Amino acid sequence: MKLRMLAAAAILSLSFAGVAQADVKAVATATLKAPVAAKTKIVVAGAVYNCEGTTCISLAAPARAVTVAGCKALVKKVGELTAFSNAMRAIEGEELATCNAAAS
């Protein structure tokens, strides 16, 4: 009986761990092809980016921010990117090209 309760508790805690992981926020960094004219703050895809020169940084970006959709939303505000990533994902190659197409 105790073993069953322990197993049930373990399964339940693992299911909640997945939910908590989905809400984790991380630093997201975008490198711009051309610098912004002035230091600015931009909010897109649930992330607040502080942009200066050719760099935009969000200190607490949700996972959905570093996606092609999040990238497209950002390039509509700041222009084309040469890099876009967080600790879990990088938008590169074809995805970055698709993203940058939204800038024009």
N, C-alpha and C. Protein backbone atom coordinates (compact mmCIF):
# COMPACT_ATOMS: atom_id res chain seq x y z
N MET A 1 0.82 -1.20 0.00
CA MET A 1 0.00 0.00 0.00
C MET A 1 0.87 1.26 0.00
N LYS A 2 1.86 1.29 0.88
CA LYS A 2 2.73 2.47 0.94
C LYS A 2 3.52 2.63 -0.36
N LEU A 3 3.92 1.51 -0.96
CA LEU A 3 4.65 1.58 -2.21
C LEU A 3 3.78 2.17 -3.32
N ARG A 4 2.51 1.82 -3.35
CA ARG A 4 1.59 2.36 -4.35
C ARG A 4 1.41 3.87 -4.16
N MET A 5 1.29 4.28 -2.91
CA MET A 5 1.13 5.71 -2.61
C MET A 5 2.37 6.48 -3.04
N LEU A 6 3.54 5.92 -2.77
CA LEU A 6 4.79 6.56 -3.14
C LEU A 6 4.89 6.66 -4.67
N ALA A 7 4.55 5.61 -5.37
CA ALA A 7 4.59 5.62 -6.84
C ALA A 7 3.61 6.66 -7.39
N ALA A 8 2.42 6.72 -6.82
CA ALA A 8 1.43 7.70 -7.28
C ALA A 8 1.92 9.12 -7.03
N ALA A 9 2.53 9.36 -5.90
CA ALA A 9 3.07 10.69 -5.58
C ALA A 9 4.19 11.06 -6.54
N ALA A 10 5.04 10.11 -6.88
CA ALA A 10 6.14 10.37 -7.81
C ALA A 10 5.60 10.73 -9.19
N ILE A 11 4.61 10.00 -9.66
CA ILE A 11 4.03 10.27 -10.97
C ILE A 11 3.36 11.64 -10.98
N LEU A 12 2.65 11.96 -9.94
CA LEU A 12 1.99 13.25 -9.84
C LEU A 12 2.99 14.39 -9.83
N SER A 13 4.07 14.24 -9.09
CA SER A 13 5.07 15.32 -9.02
C SER A 13 5.76 15.50 -10.37
N LEU A 14 6.00 14.43 -11.10
CA LEU A 14 6.61 14.54 -12.43
C LEU A 14 5.68 15.24 -13.41
N SER A 15 4.39 15.01 -13.30
CA SER A 15 3.47 15.68 -14.21
C SER A 15 3.44 17.18 -13.95
N PHE A 16 3.57 17.60 -12.71
CA PHE A 16 3.62 19.03 -12.41
C PHE A 16 4.95 19.63 -12.80
N ALA A 17 6.02 18.87 -12.79
CA ALA A 17 7.33 19.38 -13.19
C ALA A 17 7.31 19.84 -14.64
N GLY A 18 6.60 19.12 -15.50
CA GLY A 18 6.49 19.52 -16.90
C GLY A 18 5.76 20.83 -17.06
N VAL A 19 4.72 21.06 -16.28
CA VAL A 19 3.98 22.31 -16.32
C VAL A 19 4.85 23.45 -15.85
N ALA A 20 5.59 23.26 -14.79
CA ALA A 20 6.46 24.31 -14.28
C ALA A 20 7.55 24.64 -15.29
N GLN A 21 8.10 23.64 -15.95
CA GLN A 21 9.15 23.86 -16.94
C GLN A 21 8.66 24.72 -18.09
N ALA A 22 7.42 24.58 -18.49
CA ALA A 22 6.88 25.34 -19.61
C ALA A 22 6.81 26.83 -19.30
N ASP A 23 6.75 27.20 -18.04
CA ASP A 23 6.64 28.60 -17.65
C ASP A 23 7.98 29.26 -17.34
N VAL A 24 9.07 28.55 -17.51
CA VAL A 24 10.39 29.08 -17.20
C VAL A 24 10.72 30.24 -18.13
N LYS A 25 11.26 31.27 -17.55
CA LYS A 25 11.68 32.43 -18.34
C LYS A 25 13.20 32.46 -18.37
N ALA A 26 13.75 32.88 -19.51
CA ALA A 26 15.20 32.89 -19.68
C ALA A 26 15.62 34.16 -20.42
N VAL A 27 16.89 34.41 -20.40
CA VAL A 27 17.45 35.55 -21.13
C VAL A 27 17.38 35.25 -22.63
N ALA A 28 16.86 36.18 -23.39
CA ALA A 28 16.82 36.07 -24.86
C ALA A 28 17.63 37.22 -25.44
N THR A 29 18.43 36.90 -26.46
CA THR A 29 19.29 37.91 -27.08
C THR A 29 19.06 37.93 -28.59
N ALA A 30 18.93 39.14 -29.12
CA ALA A 30 18.80 39.32 -30.57
C ALA A 30 19.91 40.26 -31.02
N THR A 31 20.58 39.87 -32.09
CA THR A 31 21.60 40.73 -32.69
C THR A 31 21.00 41.31 -33.96
N LEU A 32 20.99 42.63 -34.05
CA LEU A 32 20.36 43.32 -35.17
C LEU A 32 21.33 43.51 -36.32
N LYS A 33 20.80 43.48 -37.53
CA LYS A 33 21.62 43.72 -38.72
C LYS A 33 22.05 45.18 -38.77
N ALA A 34 21.17 46.08 -38.36
CA ALA A 34 21.47 47.52 -38.31
C ALA A 34 21.12 48.04 -36.92
N PRO A 35 21.91 48.95 -36.38
CA PRO A 35 21.64 49.43 -35.02
C PRO A 35 20.34 50.25 -34.93
N VAL A 36 19.74 50.22 -33.73
CA VAL A 36 18.58 51.08 -33.49
C VAL A 36 19.09 52.50 -33.34
N ALA A 37 18.23 53.46 -33.68
CA ALA A 37 18.63 54.87 -33.64
C ALA A 37 18.91 55.36 -32.23
N ALA A 38 18.15 54.85 -31.27
CA ALA A 38 18.31 55.27 -29.88
C ALA A 38 17.97 54.10 -28.97
N LYS A 39 18.46 54.15 -27.75
CA LYS A 39 18.13 53.12 -26.77
C LYS A 39 16.62 53.06 -26.62
N THR A 40 16.06 51.85 -26.71
CA THR A 40 14.61 51.72 -26.68
C THR A 40 14.17 50.44 -26.00
N LYS A 41 12.93 50.42 -25.55
CA LYS A 41 12.32 49.24 -24.92
C LYS A 41 11.19 48.78 -25.82
N ILE A 42 11.17 47.48 -26.12
CA ILE A 42 10.17 46.90 -27.02
C ILE A 42 9.55 45.69 -26.34
N VAL A 43 8.22 45.58 -26.43
CA VAL A 43 7.52 44.43 -25.86
C VAL A 43 6.91 43.63 -27.00
N VAL A 44 7.35 42.38 -27.17
CA VAL A 44 6.79 41.47 -28.18
C VAL A 44 6.82 40.04 -27.64
N ALA A 45 5.83 39.26 -28.00
CA ALA A 45 5.74 37.84 -27.65
C ALA A 45 5.94 37.58 -26.15
N GLY A 46 5.43 38.48 -25.33
CA GLY A 46 5.52 38.30 -23.89
C GLY A 46 6.87 38.64 -23.28
N ALA A 47 7.77 39.21 -24.07
CA ALA A 47 9.11 39.56 -23.58
C ALA A 47 9.33 41.07 -23.71
N VAL A 48 10.04 41.62 -22.74
CA VAL A 48 10.42 43.03 -22.78
C VAL A 48 11.90 43.09 -23.16
N TYR A 49 12.17 43.66 -24.33
CA TYR A 49 13.55 43.77 -24.82
C TYR A 49 14.06 45.19 -24.61
N ASN A 50 15.27 45.30 -24.13
CA ASN A 50 15.98 46.57 -24.07
C ASN A 50 16.98 46.55 -25.21
N CYS A 51 16.82 47.48 -26.14
CA CYS A 51 17.66 47.51 -27.34
C CYS A 51 18.56 48.73 -27.33
N GLU A 52 19.81 48.48 -27.67
CA GLU A 52 20.80 49.55 -27.79
C GLU A 52 21.84 49.10 -28.79
N GLY A 53 22.15 49.98 -29.75
CA GLY A 53 23.10 49.60 -30.80
C GLY A 53 22.54 48.45 -31.61
N THR A 54 23.31 47.37 -31.72
CA THR A 54 22.86 46.21 -32.49
C THR A 54 22.43 45.04 -31.60
N THR A 55 22.12 45.32 -30.34
CA THR A 55 21.74 44.25 -29.41
C THR A 55 20.41 44.55 -28.71
N CYS A 56 19.55 43.54 -28.66
CA CYS A 56 18.33 43.59 -27.87
C CYS A 56 18.38 42.43 -26.89
N ILE A 57 18.12 42.71 -25.62
CA ILE A 57 18.17 41.68 -24.58
C ILE A 57 16.90 41.73 -23.75
N SER A 58 16.32 40.54 -23.53
CA SER A 58 15.21 40.40 -22.60
C SER A 58 15.70 39.51 -21.47
N LEU A 59 15.62 40.01 -20.25
CA LEU A 59 16.12 39.26 -19.10
C LEU A 59 15.15 38.20 -18.61
N ALA A 60 13.91 38.26 -19.04
CA ALA A 60 12.91 37.28 -18.59
C ALA A 60 11.92 36.96 -19.70
N ALA A 61 12.43 36.38 -20.78
CA ALA A 61 11.58 36.06 -21.92
C ALA A 61 10.94 34.69 -21.74
N PRO A 62 9.64 34.56 -21.98
CA PRO A 62 9.02 33.23 -21.93
C PRO A 62 9.51 32.40 -23.11
N ALA A 63 9.37 31.11 -23.02
CA ALA A 63 9.83 30.21 -24.08
C ALA A 63 9.24 30.57 -25.43
N ARG A 64 8.00 31.04 -25.46
CA ARG A 64 7.36 31.36 -26.75
C ARG A 64 8.00 32.55 -27.45
N ALA A 65 8.82 33.33 -26.74
CA ALA A 65 9.46 34.49 -27.34
C ALA A 65 10.49 34.08 -28.39
N VAL A 66 11.23 33.01 -28.13
CA VAL A 66 12.27 32.58 -29.06
C VAL A 66 11.70 31.46 -29.95
N THR A 67 10.82 31.89 -30.82
CA THR A 67 10.21 31.05 -31.84
C THR A 67 10.22 31.86 -33.13
N VAL A 68 9.87 31.25 -34.24
CA VAL A 68 9.81 32.01 -35.48
C VAL A 68 8.76 33.11 -35.38
N ALA A 69 7.63 32.80 -34.75
CA ALA A 69 6.58 33.82 -34.57
C ALA A 69 7.08 34.97 -33.71
N GLY A 70 7.77 34.66 -32.62
CA GLY A 70 8.34 35.71 -31.76
C GLY A 70 9.39 36.52 -32.49
N CYS A 71 10.17 35.85 -33.30
CA CYS A 71 11.20 36.51 -34.10
C CYS A 71 10.57 37.48 -35.11
N LYS A 72 9.51 37.01 -35.79
CA LYS A 72 8.82 37.87 -36.76
C LYS A 72 8.26 39.12 -36.09
N ALA A 73 7.70 38.94 -34.90
CA ALA A 73 7.16 40.10 -34.18
C ALA A 73 8.27 41.09 -33.84
N LEU A 74 9.44 40.57 -33.48
CA LEU A 74 10.55 41.46 -33.14
C LEU A 74 11.10 42.18 -34.36
N VAL A 75 11.28 41.48 -35.48
CA VAL A 75 11.85 42.15 -36.67
C VAL A 75 10.90 43.20 -37.24
N LYS A 76 9.61 43.07 -37.00
CA LYS A 76 8.68 44.11 -37.43
C LYS A 76 8.93 45.42 -36.69
N LYS A 77 9.53 45.32 -35.50
CA LYS A 77 9.81 46.51 -34.68
C LYS A 77 11.23 47.05 -34.89
N VAL A 78 12.22 46.14 -35.09
CA VAL A 78 13.62 46.57 -35.11
C VAL A 78 14.36 46.29 -36.41
N GLY A 79 13.74 45.59 -37.34
CA GLY A 79 14.42 45.25 -38.59
C GLY A 79 15.09 43.88 -38.49
N GLU A 80 15.81 43.53 -39.55
CA GLU A 80 16.40 42.20 -39.67
C GLU A 80 17.39 41.87 -38.55
N LEU A 81 17.46 40.57 -38.24
CA LEU A 81 18.36 40.05 -37.21
C LEU A 81 19.45 39.20 -37.85
N THR A 82 20.60 39.15 -37.20
CA THR A 82 21.65 38.23 -37.62
C THR A 82 21.74 37.04 -36.67
N ALA A 83 21.14 37.17 -35.48
CA ALA A 83 21.10 36.07 -34.51
C ALA A 83 19.95 36.30 -33.55
N PHE A 84 19.37 35.19 -33.05
CA PHE A 84 18.27 35.27 -32.10
C PHE A 84 18.25 33.98 -31.30
N SER A 85 18.41 34.07 -29.98
CA SER A 85 18.49 32.84 -29.18
C SER A 85 18.22 33.08 -27.70
N ASN A 86 18.03 31.96 -27.02
CA ASN A 86 18.06 31.92 -25.56
C ASN A 86 18.83 30.66 -25.19
N ALA A 87 18.87 30.29 -23.94
CA ALA A 87 19.64 29.12 -23.51
C ALA A 87 19.09 27.81 -24.06
N MET A 88 17.82 27.81 -24.48
CA MET A 88 17.20 26.58 -24.93
C MET A 88 17.10 26.43 -26.44
N ARG A 89 17.15 27.56 -27.17
CA ARG A 89 16.91 27.49 -28.61
C ARG A 89 17.56 28.66 -29.33
N ALA A 90 18.00 28.39 -30.55
CA ALA A 90 18.51 29.44 -31.43
C ALA A 90 17.72 29.39 -32.74
N ILE A 91 17.34 30.55 -33.22
CA ILE A 91 16.68 30.66 -34.52
C ILE A 91 17.80 30.91 -35.53
N GLU A 92 17.99 29.95 -36.45
CA GLU A 92 19.11 30.03 -37.39
C GLU A 92 18.66 29.58 -38.78
N GLY A 93 19.53 29.75 -39.75
CA GLY A 93 19.33 29.22 -41.09
C GLY A 93 18.01 29.63 -41.71
N GLU A 94 17.25 28.63 -42.18
CA GLU A 94 15.98 28.88 -42.85
C GLU A 94 14.97 29.59 -41.94
N GLU A 95 14.98 29.21 -40.67
CA GLU A 95 14.05 29.86 -39.73
C GLU A 95 14.37 31.34 -39.59
N LEU A 96 15.65 31.69 -39.54
CA LEU A 96 16.04 33.09 -39.42
C LEU A 96 15.69 33.84 -40.71
N ALA A 97 15.88 33.19 -41.85
CA ALA A 97 15.52 33.81 -43.14
C ALA A 97 14.00 34.06 -43.21
N THR A 98 13.22 33.09 -42.76
CA THR A 98 11.76 33.24 -42.73
C THR A 98 11.39 34.40 -41.81
N CYS A 99 12.03 34.45 -40.67
CA CYS A 99 11.80 35.53 -39.71
C CYS A 99 12.11 36.89 -40.34
N ASN A 100 13.29 37.01 -40.93
CA ASN A 100 13.72 38.29 -41.49
C ASN A 100 12.84 38.75 -42.65
N ALA A 101 12.18 37.83 -43.34
CA ALA A 101 11.29 38.20 -44.43
C ALA A 101 10.12 39.05 -43.93
N ALA A 102 9.79 38.91 -42.65
CA ALA A 102 8.69 39.69 -42.07
C ALA A 102 9.08 41.16 -41.86
N ALA A 103 10.36 41.45 -41.95
CA ALA A 103 10.82 42.83 -41.73
C ALA A 103 10.47 43.75 -42.89
N SER A 104 10.31 43.19 -44.07
CA SER A 104 10.06 44.05 -45.24
C SER A 104 8.61 44.15 -45.60
